[in-house]
Protein backbone atom coordinates (compact mmCIF):
# COMPACT_ATOMS: atom_id res chain seq x y z
CA MET A 1 23.89 -24.75 -1.72
CA LYS A 2 27.35 -23.45 -2.69
CA HIS A 3 28.87 -26.91 -2.45
CA LYS A 4 26.20 -28.38 -4.71
CA LEU A 5 26.74 -25.63 -7.31
CA LEU A 6 30.53 -26.18 -7.29
CA PHE A 7 30.05 -29.95 -7.64
CA LEU A 8 27.74 -29.41 -10.61
CA ILE A 9 30.28 -27.13 -12.38
CA LEU A 10 33.11 -29.62 -11.88
CA SER A 11 30.96 -32.44 -13.18
CA LEU A 12 30.12 -30.52 -16.33
CA CYS A 13 33.84 -29.74 -16.94
CA ALA A 14 34.76 -33.40 -16.55
CA ILE A 15 32.00 -34.47 -18.95
CA SER A 16 33.21 -31.93 -21.58
CA MET A 17 36.79 -33.21 -21.29
CA VAL A 18 35.68 -36.80 -21.75
CA ALA A 19 33.36 -35.87 -24.60
CA GLN A 20 36.26 -34.35 -26.62
CA PRO A 21 37.62 -36.51 -29.42
CA PRO A 22 40.98 -38.10 -28.52
CA ALA A 23 42.81 -36.42 -31.40
CA ARG A 24 41.61 -32.94 -30.44
CA ARG A 25 42.40 -33.54 -26.77
CA LYS A 26 45.92 -34.72 -27.65
CA ALA A 27 46.53 -31.68 -29.87
CA ALA A 28 45.34 -29.32 -27.13
CA GLU A 29 47.74 -30.91 -24.64
CA ALA A 30 50.68 -30.80 -27.07
CA ALA A 31 50.20 -27.12 -28.11
CA PRO A 32 51.80 -25.50 -25.00
CA ALA A 33 54.78 -27.87 -25.20
CA ALA A 34 55.30 -27.13 -28.89
CA GLN A 35 55.24 -23.39 -28.26
CA THR A 36 57.83 -23.76 -25.49
CA GLN A 37 60.14 -25.80 -27.71
CA ALA A 38 59.80 -23.36 -30.62
CA LYS A 39 61.17 -20.52 -28.53
CA PRO A 40 64.97 -20.42 -28.38
CA ALA A 41 66.54 -20.66 -24.94
CA GLY A 42 68.22 -17.67 -23.35
CA SER A 43 67.35 -14.84 -21.02
CA ALA A 44 67.79 -12.26 -23.78
CA TYR A 45 64.97 -13.64 -25.94
CA ARG A 46 62.49 -11.00 -27.08
CA GLU A 47 59.24 -11.10 -29.03
CA PHE A 48 59.78 -7.45 -30.05
CA PRO A 49 62.71 -5.20 -30.95
CA THR A 50 64.44 -3.79 -27.89
CA ALA A 51 65.83 -0.62 -29.46
CA PRO A 52 63.79 2.53 -28.80
CA ALA A 53 62.31 4.16 -31.87
CA MET A 54 64.33 7.03 -33.28
CA PRO A 55 62.52 10.38 -32.99
CA THR A 56 61.35 11.92 -36.23
CA GLU A 57 62.93 15.26 -35.32
CA VAL A 58 66.38 15.43 -33.73
CA THR A 59 68.62 18.42 -33.05
CA TRP A 60 71.88 16.64 -33.92
CA SER A 61 72.74 13.44 -35.82
CA ARG A 62 75.50 11.83 -37.89
CA GLU A 63 75.17 8.94 -40.33
CA ILE A 64 78.18 6.63 -40.17
CA PHE A 65 79.04 3.61 -42.32
CA ARG A 66 81.22 0.91 -40.79
CA GLU A 67 82.79 -2.33 -41.98
CA LEU A 68 82.64 -5.25 -39.52
CA ASP A 69 85.47 -7.73 -39.98
CA LEU A 70 84.14 -11.11 -38.82
CA THR A 71 87.64 -12.37 -38.07
CA GLU A 72 87.75 -9.90 -35.16
CA ASP A 73 86.77 -11.40 -31.82
CA ALA A 74 83.98 -8.87 -31.17
CA ASN A 75 82.28 -9.73 -34.50
CA ALA A 76 83.04 -13.46 -34.72
CA VAL A 77 79.70 -14.27 -33.08
CA LEU A 78 78.03 -13.25 -36.37
CA TYR A 79 80.18 -15.71 -38.37
CA PHE A 80 80.19 -18.91 -36.34
CA PRO A 81 78.84 -21.53 -36.69
CA THR A 82 79.31 -21.50 -40.48
CA THR A 83 77.11 -24.61 -40.70
CA ALA A 84 73.81 -24.86 -38.85
CA THR A 85 74.01 -27.19 -35.83
CA PRO A 86 71.38 -29.78 -34.80
CA ASP A 87 70.41 -27.67 -31.76
CA GLY A 88 69.30 -24.83 -34.07
CA ARG A 89 72.33 -22.51 -33.92
CA GLU A 90 73.22 -20.71 -37.17
CA ASN A 91 75.12 -17.64 -38.23
CA LEU A 92 73.62 -14.31 -39.22
CA PHE A 93 73.87 -14.67 -43.01
CA ASN A 94 72.26 -18.13 -43.00
CA TYR A 95 69.40 -16.77 -40.90
CA ILE A 96 68.88 -13.59 -42.98
CA PHE A 97 68.97 -15.41 -46.31
CA LYS A 98 66.29 -17.86 -45.17
CA LEU A 99 64.10 -14.94 -44.13
CA ILE A 100 64.47 -13.50 -47.64
CA LEU A 101 63.76 -16.91 -49.16
CA ARG A 102 60.52 -17.17 -47.16
CA ARG A 103 59.67 -13.54 -48.11
CA GLN A 104 59.52 -12.48 -44.47
CA ILE A 105 61.90 -9.59 -45.12
CA LYS A 106 63.08 -7.85 -48.29
CA ALA A 107 66.53 -7.52 -49.82
CA TYR A 108 67.42 -4.23 -51.51
CA LYS A 109 69.93 -3.66 -54.32
CA TYR A 110 73.43 -2.53 -53.44
CA HIS A 111 74.36 0.41 -55.68
CA LEU A 112 77.87 1.47 -56.65
CA ASP A 113 77.66 4.60 -54.50
CA GLY A 114 77.08 2.38 -51.46
CA ASN A 115 73.92 4.18 -50.33
CA GLU A 116 70.85 2.20 -49.34
CA ARG A 117 67.50 2.84 -51.03
CA PHE A 118 64.58 1.11 -49.35
CA THR A 119 62.06 1.45 -52.17
CA GLU A 120 60.06 -1.13 -54.09
CA ASP A 121 61.95 -0.55 -57.33
CA ASN A 122 65.18 -1.57 -55.58
CA VAL A 123 63.88 -4.86 -54.15
CA VAL A 124 65.94 -7.93 -55.14
CA THR A 125 64.33 -11.38 -55.13
CA ALA A 126 65.96 -14.51 -53.71
CA LYS A 127 66.06 -16.06 -57.19
CA GLN A 128 68.00 -13.09 -58.58
CA LEU A 129 70.51 -13.38 -55.75
CA MET A 130 70.96 -17.13 -56.20
CA ASP A 131 71.36 -16.83 -59.96
CA GLY A 132 73.73 -13.89 -59.68
CA TYR A 133 76.06 -15.49 -57.11
CA SER A 134 75.90 -19.14 -58.27
CA ILE A 135 73.96 -20.53 -55.30
CA LEU A 136 72.44 -23.96 -55.99
CA TYR A 137 68.71 -24.32 -55.33
CA GLU A 138 65.66 -26.40 -56.20
CA GLU A 139 62.40 -24.96 -57.51
CA ARG A 140 59.09 -26.75 -57.05
CA ASP A 141 55.72 -25.12 -57.78
CA GLY A 142 57.20 -21.65 -57.53
CA ARG A 143 58.90 -22.39 -54.21
CA PHE A 144 62.65 -22.48 -53.69
CA ARG A 145 64.61 -24.81 -51.48
CA VAL A 146 68.29 -24.34 -50.61
CA ASN A 147 70.48 -26.65 -48.57
CA ASP A 148 72.55 -25.06 -45.82
CA ALA A 149 75.70 -26.54 -47.37
CA ASP A 150 75.03 -24.66 -50.63
CA LEU A 151 74.81 -21.24 -48.99
CA PRO A 152 78.08 -19.23 -49.02
CA ASN A 153 78.16 -18.89 -45.23
CA GLU A 154 81.94 -19.29 -45.03
CA GLU A 155 82.54 -16.68 -47.75
CA VAL A 156 80.56 -13.90 -46.03
CA LYS A 157 83.41 -12.64 -43.87
CA SER A 158 82.37 -9.02 -43.33
CA TYR A 159 79.33 -6.74 -43.10
CA PHE A 160 78.66 -3.15 -44.00
CA ILE A 161 76.37 -1.45 -41.52
CA LYS A 162 74.90 2.02 -41.39
CA GLU A 163 74.35 3.54 -37.97
CA VAL A 164 72.85 6.86 -36.92
CA VAL A 165 74.31 8.62 -33.90
CA TYR A 166 71.78 11.15 -32.65
CA TYR A 167 71.03 13.31 -29.65
CA ASP A 168 67.85 12.29 -27.86
CA ARG A 169 66.57 15.54 -26.38
CA ALA A 170 63.85 13.85 -24.32
CA MET A 171 66.37 11.61 -22.50
CA ALA A 172 69.34 14.01 -22.85
CA GLN A 173 71.44 11.14 -24.19
CA LEU A 174 73.55 10.36 -27.22
CA ARG A 175 72.15 7.21 -28.83
CA THR A 176 73.33 4.94 -31.64
CA ARG A 177 70.91 3.02 -33.84
CA VAL A 178 71.73 0.61 -36.68
CA THR A 179 69.51 1.27 -39.71
CA ALA A 180 70.90 -1.01 -42.46
CA ILE A 181 72.97 -4.20 -42.82
CA CYS A 182 74.81 -5.48 -45.91
CA PRO A 183 76.60 -8.88 -46.02
CA VAL A 184 79.84 -8.81 -48.02
CA LEU A 185 81.02 -11.85 -49.96
CA HIS A 186 84.79 -12.54 -50.05
CA ARG A 187 85.28 -14.65 -53.17
CA ALA A 188 88.35 -15.43 -55.24
CA ASP A 189 88.57 -13.62 -58.56
CA ASP A 190 89.10 -15.98 -61.50
CA TYR A 191 91.16 -13.42 -63.42
CA SER A 192 93.40 -11.81 -60.81
CA GLY A 193 93.51 -14.73 -58.39
CA GLY A 194 93.00 -12.43 -55.41
CA ILE A 195 90.07 -12.12 -53.03
CA GLN A 196 87.41 -9.66 -54.17
CA LYS A 197 84.78 -8.12 -51.90
CA ARG A 198 81.24 -8.24 -53.29
CA PRO A 199 78.50 -6.50 -51.29
CA LEU A 200 75.36 -8.62 -51.75
CA PHE A 201 72.32 -6.56 -50.69
CA TRP A 202 71.02 -4.15 -48.07
CA VAL A 203 68.54 -5.17 -45.39
CA ASN A 204 66.35 -2.63 -43.63
CA TYR A 205 67.08 -3.14 -39.94
CA ASN A 206 63.60 -2.05 -38.87
CA GLU A 207 62.11 -4.86 -40.98
CA ALA A 208 64.54 -7.47 -39.68
CA ALA A 209 64.59 -6.45 -35.99
CA PRO A 210 61.56 -8.54 -34.87
CA PHE A 211 63.20 -11.64 -36.39
CA LEU A 212 66.69 -10.83 -35.12
CA GLY A 213 65.22 -10.87 -31.63
CA LYS A 214 64.78 -14.64 -32.09
CA LEU A 215 68.30 -15.44 -33.32
CA MET A 216 70.34 -16.35 -30.26
CA LEU A 217 74.10 -15.71 -30.23
CA MET A 218 76.83 -16.71 -27.80
CA GLY A 219 77.52 -13.73 -25.60
CA SER A 220 80.90 -14.57 -24.08
CA ASN A 221 84.07 -16.59 -24.63
CA TYR A 222 84.30 -17.34 -20.93
CA ASN A 223 80.69 -18.21 -20.20
CA ASN A 224 79.15 -20.34 -22.95
CA ALA A 225 75.78 -20.29 -21.17
CA SER A 226 75.57 -16.54 -21.68
CA MET A 227 73.34 -15.86 -24.68
CA LEU A 228 71.94 -12.74 -26.27
CA SER A 229 69.78 -12.08 -29.30
CA ALA A 230 71.13 -10.58 -32.53
CA ASP A 231 68.90 -7.57 -31.96
CA ASP A 232 70.44 -7.02 -28.53
CA TYR A 233 73.89 -7.39 -30.07
CA PHE A 234 73.32 -4.50 -32.48
CA THR A 235 71.26 -2.42 -30.04
CA LEU A 236 73.99 -2.56 -27.39
CA SER A 237 76.69 -1.82 -30.01
CA ARG A 238 78.65 -4.96 -29.17
CA TYR A 239 80.24 -4.89 -32.63
CA ASP A 240 83.59 -3.33 -33.53
CA GLY A 241 83.94 -1.78 -36.99
CA ASP A 242 86.09 0.71 -38.86
CA ILE A 243 84.48 3.81 -40.35
CA TYR A 244 84.71 3.97 -44.12
CA LYS A 245 82.21 6.76 -44.77
CA VAL A 246 80.37 9.57 -42.99
CA SER A 247 77.43 11.22 -44.74
CA ASN A 248 78.68 14.50 -46.21
CA LEU A 249 77.66 17.11 -48.75
CA GLN A 250 79.84 15.63 -51.50
CA ASP A 251 78.94 12.00 -50.69
CA ARG A 252 82.60 10.96 -50.53
CA LEU A 253 84.25 7.97 -48.89
CA LEU A 254 87.16 8.47 -46.53
CA SER A 255 89.41 6.92 -49.17
CA ASP A 256 88.31 9.60 -51.68
CA TYR A 257 89.96 12.44 -49.78
CA CYS A 258 92.56 10.54 -47.75
CA PRO A 259 95.40 9.59 -50.14
CA THR A 260 97.13 6.99 -47.94
CA ASP A 261 96.14 4.29 -45.46
CA THR A 262 97.78 6.33 -42.71
CA ALA A 263 95.62 9.32 -43.60
CA VAL A 264 92.48 7.13 -43.57
CA LYS A 265 93.43 5.79 -40.12
CA ARG A 266 94.03 9.32 -38.85
CA GLU A 267 90.65 10.47 -40.19
CA GLN A 268 88.89 7.51 -38.55
CA GLU A 269 90.47 8.38 -35.21
CA ARG A 270 89.47 12.03 -35.62
CA ILE A 271 85.80 11.14 -36.24
CA GLU A 272 85.76 8.71 -33.32
CA LYS A 273 87.25 11.41 -31.09
CA GLU A 274 84.58 13.90 -32.16
CA LEU A 275 81.85 11.47 -31.10
CA THR A 276 83.62 10.76 -27.79
CA ASP A 277 84.10 14.45 -27.07
CA PHE A 278 80.48 15.20 -27.89
CA GLN A 279 79.30 12.48 -25.53
CA ARG A 280 81.65 13.69 -22.78
CA VAL A 281 80.23 17.21 -23.06
CA LEU A 282 76.71 15.81 -22.71
CA TRP A 283 77.71 13.92 -19.58
CA LYS A 284 78.92 17.22 -18.14
CA GLY A 285 75.41 18.56 -18.60
CA ASP A 286 76.35 21.31 -21.07
CA THR A 287 73.55 20.73 -23.57
CA ALA A 288 74.10 24.20 -25.06
CA LEU A 289 76.95 22.77 -27.11
CA VAL A 290 74.45 20.64 -29.00
CA LYS A 291 73.32 23.81 -30.77
CA VAL A 292 76.85 24.59 -32.02
CA ASP A 293 77.00 24.75 -35.81
CA THR A 294 78.81 21.73 -37.23
CA LEU A 295 80.57 23.99 -39.75
CA ALA A 296 83.17 24.63 -37.05
CA VAL A 297 83.89 20.93 -36.90
CA VAL A 298 84.05 20.63 -40.69
CA ALA A 299 86.55 23.48 -40.76
CA GLY A 300 88.90 21.39 -38.62
CA ASP A 301 87.90 22.27 -35.07
CA SER A 302 87.00 19.38 -32.81
CA VAL A 303 84.12 19.61 -30.36
CA VAL A 304 86.59 20.23 -27.54
CA ALA A 305 88.13 23.14 -29.47
CA VAL A 306 84.68 24.64 -30.05
CA GLU A 307 83.97 24.24 -26.34
CA LYS A 308 87.22 25.99 -25.41
CA LYS A 309 86.45 28.88 -27.76
CA THR A 310 83.01 29.23 -26.19
CA VAL A 311 84.53 29.25 -22.71
CA ARG A 312 87.16 31.83 -23.73
CA ARG A 313 84.50 34.10 -25.24
CA SER A 314 82.43 33.79 -22.07
CA ALA A 315 85.50 34.53 -19.94
CA ARG A 316 86.37 37.61 -22.01
CA ARG A 317 82.83 38.89 -21.70
CA GLY A 318 82.88 38.30 -17.95
CA THR A 319 86.25 40.08 -17.56
CA THR A 320 85.10 43.07 -19.62
CA ASP A 321 81.93 43.44 -17.60
CA LYS A 322 83.92 43.19 -14.37
CA VAL A 323 86.40 45.90 -15.44
CA LYS A 324 83.56 48.22 -16.40
CA LYS A 325 81.91 47.79 -13.01
CA GLU A 326 85.20 48.48 -11.17
CA LYS A 327 85.83 51.63 -13.21
CA LYS A 328 82.39 52.92 -12.34
CA LYS A 329 83.08 52.35 -8.65
CA LYS A 330 86.54 54.05 -8.64
CA GLU A 331 85.71 57.16 -10.69
CA PRO A 332 84.30 59.94 -8.42
CA LYS A 333 81.15 61.62 -9.47
CA VAL A 334 81.85 65.04 -11.04
CA LYS A 335 79.40 67.83 -10.37
CA ARG A 336 78.09 69.57 -13.41
CA GLN A 337 79.46 73.10 -13.62
CA SER A 338 77.17 75.92 -14.54
CA ALA A 339 77.89 78.25 -17.43
CA PRO A 340 80.43 81.04 -16.72
CA THR A 341 78.90 84.35 -15.59
CA GLY A 342 80.05 87.91 -15.74
CA GLY A 343 80.65 90.33 -12.85
CA SER A 344 77.07 91.50 -12.87
CA GLY A 345 75.87 88.00 -12.16
CA LEU A 346 74.10 87.77 -15.51
CA SER A 347 74.76 85.14 -18.12
CA VAL A 348 76.72 85.98 -21.30
CA ARG A 349 73.63 85.67 -23.42
CA ARG A 350 71.73 88.11 -21.26
CA GLN A 351 74.68 90.60 -21.20
CA ARG A 352 74.79 90.63 -25.01
CA ARG A 353 71.15 91.49 -25.06
């Protein structure tokens, strides 16, 4: 009985396959292959952003702005290839601009103060960008088309990024998360003849992360088969950039209060050392230092100096308590003497009476 039922089911499946129109059957067979080809190759490919979400409430954080020079070896993977290759490889700016052109992500205006504002009134359209920076395009029925050769891929030679370094209390770790990206155009000035930097727009990293997980980058100079996604590149902090601003009460750049290039370099090293010292303290397991007021650091004390002061205070307290205990042990107990008495054995008060 079971064999007859199985034979009947198989017969019905075969009849349904034959009864399908040839075009529909061909499309159904080609769908899995098309999906496989659409996915870029590489073990680091993700359908979702890999970075953990930043907690809404953190006990310690610092907002740092960096400039990534794409001529540096660590950042060159974002610059090359400057022209899209037949196998689908393209650089970061080419990929981001096409996302903006297709309205998959938004571009936000770059203000003179350099701060990002991810609001609707600061959204910049692709047409405004192309008109403002002389990018050739074609418009048909409200749609824009741009050739890869007309995009200024070779002129975007640096990026501004904003990262947040925060203490994750749940994991007891110091994490770094990129929150904004800004491509910077290096274009010759017609008047001065020199190269002028022109920040183009800000991109909200949270909006772009699902798409950056599909942009595959070369992961090594020595192993060209090693690939990683752009999202993994930023999540793992594979970039190398110089600090040009740290969020502060007066909203100043490093160049605003550092008069020389040497002073700027020294300030960059000091900030980097503070982050390294803070992370080293966390690795030691001393999470109490996380609660230290950052005013001590602003006053000029590094995290290590604050830690030493805390240890010295604790040592002084311990020494004081130890001395007190030893004094109590050495001093003999003195018996309380009674009030002096007269010859009659009565107290002075009673004699006066």
